Protein backbone atom coordinates (compact mmCIF):
# COMPACT_ATOMS: atom_id res chain seq x y z
CA MET A 1 -48.09 -56.04 39.88
CA GLN A 2 -49.08 -54.92 43.40
CA MET A 3 -49.85 -51.20 43.69
CA THR A 4 -51.61 -48.90 46.12
CA GLY A 5 -55.11 -47.76 45.23
CA ALA A 6 -53.80 -44.24 44.69
CA LYS A 7 -51.21 -45.45 42.19
CA ILE A 8 -53.77 -47.64 40.40
CA LEU A 9 -56.02 -44.58 40.06
CA ILE A 10 -53.30 -42.52 38.40
CA GLU A 11 -52.28 -45.40 36.13
CA CYS A 12 -55.89 -45.83 35.04
CA LEU A 13 -56.13 -42.12 34.24
CA LEU A 14 -53.10 -42.52 32.00
CA GLU A 15 -54.82 -45.50 30.33
CA GLN A 16 -57.70 -43.15 29.49
CA GLY A 17 -55.38 -40.60 27.90
CA VAL A 18 -55.74 -38.07 30.71
CA ASP A 19 -53.05 -35.41 30.60
CA THR A 20 -54.73 -32.65 32.60
CA ILE A 21 -56.55 -32.57 35.94
CA PHE A 22 -58.23 -29.62 37.64
CA GLY A 23 -58.60 -29.78 41.37
CA TYR A 24 -57.97 -28.82 44.98
CA PRO A 25 -56.28 -31.08 47.58
CA GLY A 26 -57.36 -31.92 51.13
CA GLY A 27 -56.98 -34.43 53.93
CA THR A 28 -58.83 -37.43 52.50
CA ILE A 29 -57.38 -37.11 48.98
CA ILE A 30 -53.85 -36.42 50.20
CA ASN A 31 -52.57 -39.89 49.25
CA VAL A 32 -53.79 -39.41 45.69
CA TYR A 33 -51.98 -36.08 45.47
CA ASP A 34 -48.86 -37.66 46.91
CA GLU A 35 -48.96 -40.25 44.12
CA LEU A 36 -49.75 -37.56 41.54
CA TYR A 37 -46.49 -35.86 42.57
CA GLN A 38 -44.63 -38.83 41.07
CA TYR A 39 -46.43 -38.34 37.74
CA LYS A 40 -46.04 -34.60 37.31
CA ASP A 41 -44.08 -35.11 34.09
CA LYS A 42 -47.05 -37.00 32.59
CA ILE A 43 -50.13 -35.30 34.05
CA HIS A 44 -50.53 -31.54 34.39
CA HIS A 45 -52.51 -30.51 37.46
CA VAL A 46 -54.17 -27.09 37.60
CA LEU A 47 -54.80 -25.83 41.14
CA THR A 48 -57.80 -23.52 41.10
CA ALA A 49 -58.87 -20.99 43.73
CA HIS A 50 -62.04 -22.92 44.61
CA GLU A 51 -63.42 -26.39 43.90
CA GLN A 52 -66.33 -24.94 41.92
CA GLY A 53 -63.82 -23.22 39.65
CA ALA A 54 -62.10 -26.59 39.15
CA SER A 55 -65.41 -28.22 38.22
CA HIS A 56 -66.16 -25.58 35.58
CA ALA A 57 -62.59 -25.71 34.25
CA ALA A 58 -62.81 -29.49 33.77
CA ASP A 59 -66.17 -28.93 32.05
CA GLY A 60 -64.74 -26.22 29.77
CA TYR A 61 -61.84 -28.52 28.92
CA ALA A 62 -64.31 -31.28 27.98
CA ARG A 63 -66.61 -29.08 25.90
CA SER A 64 -63.79 -27.45 23.96
CA THR A 65 -61.94 -30.71 23.20
CA GLY A 66 -64.68 -33.34 23.04
CA LYS A 67 -62.62 -35.41 25.51
CA VAL A 68 -63.51 -36.39 29.08
CA GLY A 69 -62.57 -33.75 31.65
CA VAL A 70 -61.23 -34.73 35.08
CA CYS A 71 -61.68 -32.95 38.42
CA PHE A 72 -60.31 -33.80 41.89
CA ALA A 73 -61.65 -32.69 45.27
CA THR A 74 -61.45 -33.79 48.87
CA SER A 75 -64.32 -34.83 51.15
CA GLY A 76 -66.93 -32.72 52.93
CA PRO A 77 -67.07 -29.12 51.70
CA GLY A 78 -64.56 -29.92 48.97
CA ALA A 79 -66.97 -32.45 47.51
CA THR A 80 -70.11 -30.37 48.02
CA ASN A 81 -68.42 -27.38 46.36
CA LEU A 82 -68.44 -29.47 43.17
CA THR A 83 -72.21 -29.95 43.07
CA THR A 84 -72.99 -26.82 41.05
CA GLY A 85 -70.38 -27.82 38.51
CA ILE A 86 -71.67 -31.39 38.38
CA ALA A 87 -75.24 -30.19 37.78
CA THR A 88 -74.01 -27.76 35.12
CA ALA A 89 -72.29 -30.61 33.27
CA PHE A 90 -75.30 -32.89 33.71
CA LEU A 91 -77.87 -30.48 32.25
CA ASP A 92 -75.63 -29.81 29.23
CA SER A 93 -74.47 -33.44 28.76
CA SER A 94 -70.78 -32.67 29.26
CA PRO A 95 -68.46 -35.66 29.91
CA VAL A 96 -66.56 -35.02 33.14
CA VAL A 97 -65.30 -37.58 35.68
CA PHE A 98 -65.35 -36.07 39.16
CA ILE A 99 -63.12 -37.87 41.67
CA THR A 100 -63.56 -37.20 45.37
CA CYS A 101 -62.14 -38.98 48.38
CA ASN A 102 -63.93 -39.64 51.65
CA VAL A 103 -63.12 -40.65 55.20
CA PRO A 104 -61.89 -44.20 55.84
CA GLU A 105 -64.45 -47.00 55.86
CA ASN A 106 -64.32 -47.40 59.65
CA LEU A 107 -65.45 -43.76 60.03
CA ILE A 108 -68.27 -43.80 57.47
CA GLY A 109 -71.66 -43.05 59.01
CA LYS A 110 -70.22 -41.60 62.22
CA ASP A 111 -70.45 -37.89 61.31
CA SER A 112 -66.68 -37.85 61.10
CA PHE A 113 -64.73 -34.69 60.33
CA GLN A 114 -65.45 -33.64 56.73
CA GLU A 115 -67.58 -36.71 56.05
CA VAL A 116 -70.43 -36.31 53.56
CA ASP A 117 -72.52 -38.71 51.49
CA ILE A 118 -71.48 -37.23 48.15
CA THR A 119 -72.78 -40.24 46.19
CA GLY A 120 -76.23 -39.67 47.68
CA ILE A 121 -76.06 -35.93 47.06
CA SER A 122 -74.88 -36.30 43.46
CA MET A 123 -77.11 -39.20 42.41
CA PRO A 124 -79.76 -36.99 40.68
CA ILE A 125 -77.15 -34.96 38.81
CA THR A 126 -74.82 -37.66 37.45
CA LYS A 127 -75.20 -40.33 34.79
CA CYS A 128 -73.81 -42.76 37.35
CA ASN A 129 -71.73 -42.67 40.51
CA PHE A 130 -69.54 -45.10 42.40
CA GLN A 131 -68.00 -45.51 45.83
CA VAL A 132 -64.71 -47.40 46.03
CA ASN A 133 -63.98 -49.06 49.39
CA SER A 134 -60.95 -51.14 48.41
CA ALA A 135 -57.94 -50.90 46.13
CA ALA A 136 -59.07 -54.11 44.38
CA LYS A 137 -62.12 -52.29 42.96
CA MET A 138 -60.24 -49.20 41.79
CA ALA A 139 -59.23 -50.10 38.23
CA ASP A 140 -62.55 -51.56 37.09
CA THR A 141 -64.45 -48.63 38.60
CA VAL A 142 -62.33 -45.96 36.91
CA ARG A 143 -62.51 -47.72 33.55
CA SER A 144 -66.30 -48.07 33.84
CA ALA A 145 -66.69 -44.42 34.84
CA PHE A 146 -64.89 -43.17 31.75
CA ALA A 147 -66.82 -45.54 29.47
CA ILE A 148 -70.11 -44.24 30.86
CA ALA A 149 -69.10 -40.57 30.75
CA ARG A 150 -68.26 -40.70 27.05
CA SER A 151 -70.82 -43.25 25.80
CA GLY A 152 -74.18 -42.43 24.23
CA ARG A 153 -75.42 -39.12 25.54
CA PRO A 154 -72.33 -37.89 27.43
CA GLY A 155 -72.47 -36.69 31.00
CA PRO A 156 -70.74 -36.45 34.38
CA VAL A 157 -69.80 -39.46 36.50
CA LEU A 158 -68.60 -39.27 40.10
CA ILE A 159 -66.19 -41.66 41.83
CA ASP A 160 -65.95 -41.33 45.63
CA ILE A 161 -62.93 -43.18 47.02
CA LEU A 162 -62.64 -44.04 50.72
CA LYS A 163 -59.27 -43.03 52.12
CA ASN A 164 -58.35 -46.59 53.09
CA ALA A 165 -58.77 -47.61 49.43
CA THR A 166 -56.04 -45.17 48.43
CA LEU A 167 -53.56 -46.81 50.84
CA GLY A 168 -54.52 -50.46 50.39
CA LYS A 169 -52.81 -52.58 47.73
CA ALA A 170 -54.09 -54.73 44.89
CA GLU A 171 -52.94 -56.32 41.66
CA TYR A 172 -52.91 -54.01 38.66
CA GLU A 173 -52.54 -54.90 34.97
CA ASN A 174 -52.15 -52.13 32.41
CA LEU A 175 -54.79 -52.34 29.69
CA SER A 176 -55.41 -50.23 26.62
CA ARG A 177 -58.87 -48.71 26.18
CA GLU A 178 -59.56 -51.22 23.42
CA GLU A 179 -58.76 -54.13 25.78
CA HIS A 180 -61.29 -52.91 28.34
CA PHE A 181 -64.11 -54.24 26.16
CA THR A 182 -62.56 -57.70 25.67
CA HIS A 183 -61.00 -58.38 29.07
CA GLY A 184 -63.28 -60.95 30.71
CA SER A 185 -65.03 -59.69 33.84
CA LEU A 186 -64.04 -56.08 33.11
CA ALA A 187 -65.73 -56.20 29.71
CA ALA A 188 -68.88 -57.58 31.34
CA LEU A 189 -68.77 -54.87 34.02
CA ILE A 190 -68.36 -52.05 31.49
CA HIS A 191 -71.11 -53.54 29.33
CA ARG A 192 -73.48 -53.71 32.29
CA ALA A 193 -72.56 -50.23 33.46
CA SER A 194 -72.81 -48.48 30.10
CA HIS A 195 -75.25 -50.47 27.92
CA ASP A 196 -78.19 -48.21 28.78
CA PHE A 197 -76.26 -45.18 27.54
CA LYS A 198 -75.01 -46.47 24.19
CA ALA A 199 -76.47 -45.05 20.99
CA PRO A 200 -78.48 -47.59 19.02
CA GLU A 201 -78.06 -47.90 15.26
CA PRO A 202 -80.86 -45.84 13.67
CA ASP A 203 -83.85 -47.85 12.47
CA MET A 204 -83.98 -47.95 8.66
CA ASP A 205 -87.78 -47.79 8.56
CA ASP A 206 -87.66 -44.61 10.66
CA LEU A 207 -85.11 -43.11 8.27
CA ASN A 208 -87.22 -44.02 5.25
CA LYS A 209 -90.30 -42.46 6.80
CA LEU A 210 -88.43 -39.19 7.38
CA ALA A 211 -87.17 -39.25 3.78
CA GLU A 212 -90.79 -39.46 2.60
CA MET A 213 -91.81 -36.59 4.88
CA VAL A 214 -88.98 -34.48 3.47
CA LYS A 215 -90.18 -35.12 -0.10
CA THR A 216 -93.64 -33.65 0.55
CA ALA A 217 -92.62 -30.72 2.76
CA GLN A 218 -93.07 -27.25 1.30
CA LYS A 219 -91.91 -25.24 4.32
CA PRO A 220 -89.29 -27.24 6.25
CA LEU A 221 -87.32 -25.88 9.21
CA LEU A 222 -84.32 -27.44 10.95
CA ILE A 223 -83.30 -26.91 14.56
CA CYS A 224 -79.67 -27.54 15.44
CA GLY A 225 -79.47 -28.62 19.09
CA GLY A 226 -76.71 -29.46 21.49
CA GLY A 227 -76.62 -33.05 20.28
CA VAL A 228 -75.13 -31.87 16.98
CA VAL A 229 -72.33 -30.13 18.87
CA LEU A 230 -71.67 -33.10 21.16
CA ALA A 231 -71.55 -35.47 18.18
CA ARG A 232 -69.23 -33.06 16.33
CA ALA A 233 -71.70 -33.41 13.44
CA GLN A 234 -71.41 -29.91 11.94
CA GLN A 235 -70.47 -31.08 8.44
CA GLU A 236 -73.30 -33.62 8.33
CA PHE A 237 -75.85 -31.10 9.63
CA GLU A 238 -74.82 -28.41 7.15
CA ALA A 239 -74.94 -30.95 4.30
CA PHE A 240 -78.45 -31.98 5.40
CA ALA A 241 -79.60 -28.35 5.53
CA ALA A 242 -78.18 -27.71 2.05
CA LYS A 243 -79.83 -30.82 0.57
CA LEU A 244 -83.13 -29.98 2.20
CA ASP A 245 -82.67 -26.31 1.23
CA ALA A 246 -84.23 -25.40 4.55
CA PRO A 247 -83.71 -22.53 6.98
CA ALA A 248 -81.87 -23.72 10.09
CA ALA A 249 -82.24 -22.23 13.56
CA PHE A 250 -80.06 -23.17 16.50
CA THR A 251 -80.55 -23.44 20.25
CA VAL A 252 -78.16 -22.01 22.83
CA MET A 253 -76.44 -25.40 23.10
CA GLY A 254 -76.52 -25.84 19.32
CA CYS A 255 -74.24 -22.86 18.64
CA GLY A 256 -71.42 -24.03 16.37
CA GLY A 257 -73.40 -27.06 15.16
CA ILE A 258 -74.05 -24.97 12.06
CA SER A 259 -71.79 -22.03 11.27
CA GLY A 260 -73.26 -18.68 12.22
CA ARG A 261 -72.11 -17.48 8.80
CA HIS A 262 -73.99 -20.19 6.88
CA PRO A 263 -76.50 -18.67 4.42
CA LEU A 264 -79.30 -20.92 5.73
CA THR A 265 -78.83 -19.93 9.37
CA THR A 266 -81.73 -17.98 10.90
CA GLY A 267 -80.05 -17.51 14.29
CA LEU A 268 -81.18 -18.38 17.79
CA ILE A 269 -84.66 -19.79 18.38
CA GLY A 270 -86.87 -19.43 21.45
CA MET A 271 -87.30 -16.90 24.25
CA HIS A 272 -84.63 -14.59 22.82
CA GLY A 273 -84.69 -16.05 19.33
CA SER A 274 -84.52 -13.97 16.19
CA GLN A 275 -87.72 -12.93 14.46
CA ALA A 276 -86.65 -15.07 11.49
CA SER A 277 -86.24 -18.23 13.60
CA ASN A 278 -89.39 -17.82 15.64
CA MET A 279 -91.59 -16.87 12.69
CA ALA A 280 -90.23 -19.85 10.77
CA ALA A 281 -91.20 -22.14 13.66
CA ALA A 282 -94.69 -20.67 13.74
CA ASN A 283 -95.25 -21.14 9.98
CA CYS A 284 -93.31 -24.24 8.92
CA ASP A 285 -95.05 -27.45 7.82
CA LEU A 286 -92.18 -29.80 8.80
CA LEU A 287 -89.87 -29.16 11.75
CA ILE A 288 -86.88 -31.46 12.18
CA ALA A 289 -85.06 -31.00 15.49
CA VAL A 290 -81.66 -32.68 15.76
CA GLY A 291 -80.26 -33.20 19.26
CA CYS A 292 -82.77 -30.77 20.76
CA ARG A 293 -84.86 -31.55 23.84
CA PHE A 294 -87.40 -28.72 23.38
CA SER A 295 -86.71 -27.06 26.73
CA ASP A 296 -88.97 -24.34 28.10
CA ARG A 297 -86.61 -21.75 26.59
CA VAL A 298 -87.29 -23.11 23.07
CA ALA A 299 -90.84 -24.44 23.20
CA LEU A 300 -92.17 -21.73 25.49
CA ASP A 301 -95.75 -22.96 25.05
CA PRO A 302 -95.56 -26.64 24.06
CA ARG A 303 -99.23 -26.75 23.04
CA SER A 304 -98.83 -24.10 20.36
CA PHE A 305 -95.21 -24.75 19.37
CA ALA A 306 -94.90 -25.23 15.59
CA LYS A 307 -98.63 -25.89 15.53
CA GLN A 308 -98.79 -25.98 11.71
CA ALA A 309 -95.96 -28.49 11.42
CA LYS A 310 -95.27 -32.17 11.66
CA ILE A 311 -92.56 -32.30 14.30
CA VAL A 312 -89.71 -34.80 13.96
CA GLN A 313 -87.26 -35.31 16.82
CA ILE A 314 -83.85 -36.93 16.31
CA ASP A 315 -82.17 -37.72 19.62
CA ILE A 316 -79.73 -40.16 21.16
CA ASP A 317 -81.74 -40.36 24.38
CA ARG A 318 -85.10 -42.11 24.14
CA ALA A 319 -86.21 -40.41 27.36
CA GLU A 320 -86.25 -37.04 25.56
CA ILE A 321 -88.74 -38.16 22.90
CA ASN A 322 -92.18 -36.60 23.48
CA LYS A 323 -91.09 -35.43 26.93
CA ASN A 324 -91.77 -31.75 26.29
CA VAL A 325 -93.37 -31.57 22.84
CA PRO A 326 -95.45 -34.29 21.12
CA THR A 327 -93.91 -35.44 17.85
CA ALA A 328 -95.28 -36.88 14.62
CA HIS A 329 -92.15 -38.96 14.14
CA HIS A 330 -88.84 -39.60 15.87
CA ILE A 331 -85.52 -41.32 15.26
CA ILE A 332 -83.32 -42.64 18.08
CA GLY A 333 -79.62 -42.47 17.37
CA ASP A 334 -76.41 -40.50 17.36
CA ALA A 335 -76.91 -37.22 15.48
CA ARG A 336 -73.88 -37.72 13.28
CA ARG A 337 -74.88 -41.24 12.24
CA VAL A 338 -78.51 -40.32 11.58
CA LEU A 339 -77.50 -37.35 9.45
CA GLU A 340 -74.95 -39.40 7.51
CA LEU A 341 -77.65 -41.90 6.58
CA MET A 342 -80.25 -39.25 5.79
CA ASN A 343 -77.85 -37.43 3.48
CA GLU A 344 -77.52 -40.65 1.50
CA LYS A 345 -81.29 -41.08 1.26
CA ILE A 346 -82.68 -37.69 0.31
CA ASP A 347 -82.50 -35.85 -3.01
CA GLN A 348 -81.81 -32.16 -3.49
CA SER A 349 -84.83 -29.99 -2.64
CA HIS A 350 -85.57 -26.34 -3.44
CA HIS A 351 -87.69 -24.01 -1.31
CA GLU A 352 -87.07 -20.52 -2.65
CA GLU A 353 -90.46 -19.03 -1.73
CA TRP A 354 -90.31 -20.41 1.78
CA LYS A 355 -86.78 -19.07 2.31
CA LYS A 356 -87.85 -15.70 0.94
CA PHE A 357 -90.64 -15.57 3.52
CA VAL A 358 -88.39 -16.57 6.45
CA PHE A 359 -85.45 -14.33 5.61
CA HIS A 360 -87.51 -11.20 5.14
CA TYR A 361 -87.68 -11.21 8.94
CA PRO A 362 -84.57 -9.86 10.68
CA ILE A 363 -81.96 -12.19 12.16
CA GLU A 364 -80.21 -9.50 14.20
CA THR A 365 -81.50 -6.74 16.47
CA LYS A 366 -80.68 -3.09 15.92
CA TYR A 367 -79.61 -1.10 18.99
CA GLU A 368 -79.57 2.65 19.45
CA VAL A 369 -76.19 4.37 19.45
CA THR A 370 -76.14 6.93 22.27
CA GLY A 371 -72.51 8.04 22.39
CA GLU A 372 -72.53 7.97 26.21
CA THR A 373 -72.25 4.21 26.67
CA LEU A 374 -71.66 1.23 24.45
CA ASN A 375 -74.56 -0.86 23.25
CA PRO A 376 -74.40 -4.68 23.16
CA LYS A 377 -74.05 -4.96 19.40
CA GLN A 378 -71.20 -2.44 19.32
CA ILE A 379 -69.32 -4.51 21.88
CA CYS A 380 -69.91 -7.82 20.11
CA ASP A 381 -69.17 -6.45 16.63
CA THR A 382 -65.95 -4.83 17.83
CA ILE A 383 -64.75 -8.01 19.53
CA ALA A 384 -65.56 -10.05 16.42
CA ARG A 385 -63.67 -7.59 14.23
CA ILE A 386 -60.51 -7.53 16.37
CA ILE A 387 -60.02 -11.07 17.66
CA PRO A 388 -59.21 -14.15 15.51
CA HIS A 389 -62.32 -15.82 14.06
CA ASP A 390 -61.45 -19.17 15.63
CA SER A 391 -61.30 -17.76 19.18
CA ILE A 392 -63.06 -19.71 21.92
CA VAL A 393 -65.74 -17.77 23.82
CA ALA A 394 -66.83 -18.68 27.36
CA THR A 395 -69.76 -16.86 28.92
CA ASP A 396 -71.46 -16.57 32.24
CA VAL A 397 -75.27 -16.34 32.41
CA GLY A 398 -77.55 -13.37 31.87
CA GLN A 399 -78.08 -10.61 29.33
CA HIS A 400 -74.46 -10.67 28.16
CA GLN A 401 -74.85 -14.39 27.37
CA MET A 402 -77.81 -13.77 25.07
CA TRP A 403 -76.20 -10.76 23.38
CA CYS A 404 -73.10 -12.85 22.76
CA ILE A 405 -75.08 -15.73 21.23
CA GLN A 406 -77.23 -13.40 19.14
CA ASN A 407 -74.34 -11.43 17.67
CA PHE A 408 -71.22 -13.62 17.49
CA LYS A 409 -70.81 -16.07 14.61
CA PHE A 410 -69.78 -19.43 16.05
CA ASP A 411 -68.16 -21.53 13.35
CA TYR A 412 -67.44 -24.90 14.96
CA PRO A 413 -68.53 -27.18 17.83
CA GLY A 414 -66.89 -26.30 21.13
CA GLN A 415 -66.24 -22.69 20.18
CA LEU A 416 -68.93 -21.44 22.57
CA LEU A 417 -68.78 -22.58 26.20
CA THR A 418 -71.92 -21.57 28.09
CA SER A 419 -74.25 -22.96 30.74
CA GLY A 420 -77.49 -23.51 28.85
CA GLY A 421 -79.52 -25.93 30.94
CA PHE A 422 -78.57 -25.03 34.52
CA GLY A 423 -77.93 -21.33 33.88
CA THR A 424 -74.88 -21.12 36.13
CA MET A 425 -73.65 -17.64 36.94
CA GLY A 426 -69.95 -18.08 37.70
CA PHE A 427 -69.38 -20.72 35.01
CA GLY A 428 -67.49 -18.55 32.52
CA LEU A 429 -64.03 -17.90 33.94
CA GLY A 430 -63.50 -21.49 35.07
CA ALA A 431 -64.62 -22.73 31.64
CA ALA A 432 -62.29 -20.23 29.95
CA ILE A 433 -59.38 -21.51 32.05
CA GLY A 434 -60.15 -25.09 31.03
CA ALA A 435 -60.34 -24.11 27.37
CA LYS A 436 -57.12 -22.12 27.46
CA VAL A 437 -55.24 -24.97 29.14
CA ALA A 438 -56.55 -27.30 26.43
CA HIS A 439 -55.90 -24.87 23.56
CA PRO A 440 -52.92 -22.66 24.45
CA GLU A 441 -52.57 -21.65 20.79
CA LYS A 442 -56.06 -20.11 20.62
CA THR A 443 -57.39 -16.79 21.88
CA VAL A 444 -59.91 -17.34 24.67
CA ILE A 445 -62.46 -14.64 25.51
CA HIS A 446 -64.46 -14.67 28.72
CA VAL A 447 -67.68 -12.67 28.26
CA THR A 448 -69.45 -11.81 31.50
CA GLY A 449 -71.67 -9.36 33.31
CA ASP A 450 -70.85 -7.37 36.42
CA GLY A 451 -73.17 -9.58 38.48
CA SER A 452 -71.81 -12.89 37.18
CA PHE A 453 -68.17 -11.83 37.37
CA ARG A 454 -68.44 -11.17 41.10
CA MET A 455 -69.23 -14.88 41.48
CA ASN A 456 -66.08 -16.23 39.84
CA CYS A 457 -63.45 -13.48 39.88
CA ASN A 458 -61.44 -15.40 42.50
CA GLU A 459 -60.24 -17.58 39.61
CA LEU A 460 -58.19 -14.63 38.39
CA ALA A 461 -55.62 -16.08 40.80
CA THR A 462 -55.51 -19.25 38.69
CA GLU A 463 -55.32 -17.25 35.48
CA GLN A 464 -52.40 -15.22 36.84
CA PHE A 465 -50.40 -18.10 38.32
CA TYR A 466 -50.53 -20.26 35.19
CA LYS A 467 -49.92 -17.27 32.91
CA LEU A 468 -53.14 -17.78 30.94
CA PRO A 469 -53.74 -14.72 28.73
CA ILE A 470 -57.54 -14.83 28.93
CA ILE A 471 -59.40 -11.67 27.93
CA THR A 472 -62.40 -10.93 30.15
CA VAL A 473 -64.99 -8.55 28.72
CA VAL A 474 -67.50 -7.25 31.29
CA PHE A 475 -70.87 -5.94 30.10
CA ASN A 476 -71.21 -3.55 33.02
CA ASN A 477 -74.73 -2.19 33.36
CA THR A 478 -74.48 -1.83 37.17
CA ALA A 479 -77.36 -4.27 37.57
CA LEU A 480 -78.42 -7.89 37.59
CA GLY A 481 -79.60 -7.13 34.10
CA MET A 482 -81.73 -10.10 33.11
CA VAL A 483 -83.74 -10.09 36.32
CA ARG A 484 -84.08 -6.30 36.08
CA GLN A 485 -85.40 -6.74 32.52
CA TRP A 486 -88.12 -9.09 33.80
CA GLN A 487 -88.91 -6.65 36.59
CA HIS A 488 -89.26 -3.86 34.04
CA LEU A 489 -91.45 -5.81 31.62
CA THR A 490 -93.59 -7.92 33.95
CA LEU A 491 -93.37 -6.59 37.53
CA ASN A 492 -94.18 -2.87 37.22
CA GLU A 493 -90.51 -1.82 37.49
CA HIS A 494 -90.14 -3.12 41.05
CA TYR A 495 -86.35 -3.29 40.95
CA SER A 496 -86.00 -5.36 44.10
CA GLU A 497 -82.34 -6.08 44.91
CA THR A 498 -81.09 -5.98 41.31
CA THR A 499 -79.23 -2.66 41.28
CA LEU A 500 -75.45 -2.88 41.73
CA ILE A 501 -74.64 0.84 41.55
CA GLY A 502 -72.00 1.73 44.11
CA ARG A 503 -71.12 -1.87 44.87
CA ALA A 504 -67.51 -3.01 44.66
CA PRO A 505 -65.29 -3.95 42.99
CA ASP A 506 -63.65 -1.72 40.43
CA PHE A 507 -62.78 -4.48 37.97
CA VAL A 508 -59.68 -2.78 36.60
CA LYS A 509 -58.24 -2.32 40.09
CA LEU A 510 -59.16 -5.93 40.80
CA ALA A 511 -57.15 -7.01 37.74
CA GLU A 512 -54.19 -5.01 38.98
CA ALA A 513 -54.47 -6.62 42.43
CA TYR A 514 -54.01 -10.00 40.74
CA GLY A 515 -51.04 -8.76 38.70
CA LEU A 516 -53.10 -8.42 35.52
CA SER A 517 -54.10 -5.43 33.41
CA GLY A 518 -57.37 -3.80 32.46
CA ALA A 519 -59.20 -0.80 31.08
CA HIS A 520 -62.51 1.01 31.50
CA VAL A 521 -64.12 1.72 28.11
CA SER A 522 -67.24 3.54 26.97
CA THR A 523 -66.60 4.06 23.24
CA VAL A 524 -65.85 1.79 20.30
CA GLU A 525 -62.44 3.42 19.86
CA GLN A 526 -61.51 2.74 23.49
CA LEU A 527 -62.71 -0.84 23.19
CA GLU A 528 -60.68 -1.41 20.03
CA ALA A 529 -57.54 -0.08 21.71
CA ALA A 530 -58.11 -2.20 24.83
CA LEU A 531 -58.65 -5.37 22.79
CA LYS A 532 -55.46 -4.80 20.80
CA GLU A 533 -53.52 -4.19 24.02
CA ALA A 534 -55.04 -7.32 25.59
CA LEU A 535 -54.08 -9.48 22.60
CA ALA A 536 -50.51 -8.19 22.69
CA CYS A 537 -49.76 -8.10 26.42
CA GLY A 538 -49.38 -11.87 26.98
CA HIS A 539 -51.28 -12.03 30.27
CA GLY A 540 -54.83 -11.80 31.56
CA TYR A 541 -56.72 -8.60 30.81
CA ILE A 542 -60.10 -7.22 31.95
CA ILE A 543 -62.10 -4.82 29.78
CA ASP A 544 -64.89 -3.11 31.73
CA CYS A 545 -67.49 -1.93 29.19
CA ALA A 546 -70.03 0.66 30.33
CA ILE A 547 -73.54 -0.02 29.02
CA ASN A 548 -76.91 1.51 29.86
CA ILE A 549 -78.66 0.07 32.91
CA ASP A 550 -81.96 -0.20 30.99
CA GLU A 551 -80.56 -1.98 27.92
CA MET A 552 -82.63 -5.10 27.22
CA VAL A 553 -82.15 -8.36 25.37
CA ARG A 554 -84.38 -8.21 22.33
CA PRO A 555 -86.40 -9.91 20.95
CA MET A 556 -88.11 -11.56 23.92
CA VAL A 557 -91.06 -13.93 24.17
CA GLN A 558 -92.48 -14.42 27.64
CA GLY A 559 -92.48 -17.96 29.03
CA GLY A 560 -95.74 -19.79 28.38
CA ARG A 561 -96.58 -17.73 25.29
CA PRO A 562 -96.56 -18.74 21.59
CA ILE A 563 -93.15 -18.47 19.99
CA ASP A 564 -94.22 -15.64 17.65
CA ASP A 565 -95.88 -13.58 20.41
CA PHE A 566 -93.02 -11.15 20.99
CA LEU A 567 -93.12 -9.09 24.18
CA VAL A 568 -90.41 -6.80 22.80
CA TYR A 569 -88.59 -6.74 19.47
């Protein structure tokens, strides 16, 4: 059947099971939006206030569902406004297909109005990208893009479509996703495009070697990384921890890969890791990291990291093996599959003395109660007590992010949405919007700081228009708190451009300007009342929590130092 490129695009999205798109229209993508108008009963489009907000919303949708997110933008500044969101998804291996349109082929390379080489710009921050210059190439390109985004180690893929390709016509045949891998030239194209990203079957000799290492270990430690979350391998990881009878730490991206309430959980590991996690890493004799790339926030000093241990790395991406930390052994494969096989191979172990040593160190930090302002633990504990336990939490980046991860108990993969690798201030509200669209039945909390919230508060317009009852909790210390903390600890209290005292806005008045509600709180009782009102009101709500400007994230290990060399507890 002959169809325009724009119609083929939308039909291919339906083939992939897409029911939601986040985006912002413009001149070069106008034909796609015109076609989308005909499909509004099948595909829900969410118009955000800014393209970056759309990119984070598509990412939040992907992380919370495990499906591929989709984002639309036009050429020029529309496309470049996506780059922060693309990089955020790339560093955290989130499967999002970004679709931009560009000027017609006859205007490419002529500095035309709103022309930009978005494939060149995005090449370092995508798994793969494509440019479509004719309608005949549309279907195969879209199908390949989705196969790549979801295969192996997931990640973002960009498709840039020239405007003439949206108007031109070509033959289109509807195919199921299963038929893509058996349909002649398409199957070959998808195989060529995605074969480098597919997870290999774990090598049995490698599995047997790890089973032998487990048998002789006296002080084993597990690290739950983001790969466990992406593989949705929580049950397999928890079963492995129980069989090994080993303490289990988690990374920022590993939150929810093992329940925060699990008796073997030691909490966060690394720069702001718990004393229990970091001391376990410093003293273990076998460290098994699953889906963890040993970033500089975990292995702060690679030379001394787990120096008493044999380090084993399990990862889907061969490029991550020995990249940051040298290992004694490694297994390449999907986390879920590797853990399934290991659970069949190993016998029940017991390490009571080792666990006694690890768990005599604290997992949580105690904070002083002043009565004048709230402390971070009071805020987190109150939220956890009032909201449903299965609520989805989206954060921005900074002190509030670490306090949230240290104190909330994340029970399942996709419950925490946070920018771990790229550290994107402004990620949280967009991600919360994506999660709420995907899970309208769940409570969604957006945890932010006063600095981060100023970067994304324009998306309150999206929240209001689509009637998304997202609760935003602002840790308001009138400062760019994490940078101020570094200035206090390492730069002789030179608070250069990190104080926000006297700077607008009043967040409650801002909520009211968008037709939402809010409250200023400085006590636990006020916070409890505001949370209950927010849960009941049925629309967006901002809770502005006053905290002390000098409150710090504790513990903290300085970058480049051994993991047990705490700068502050």
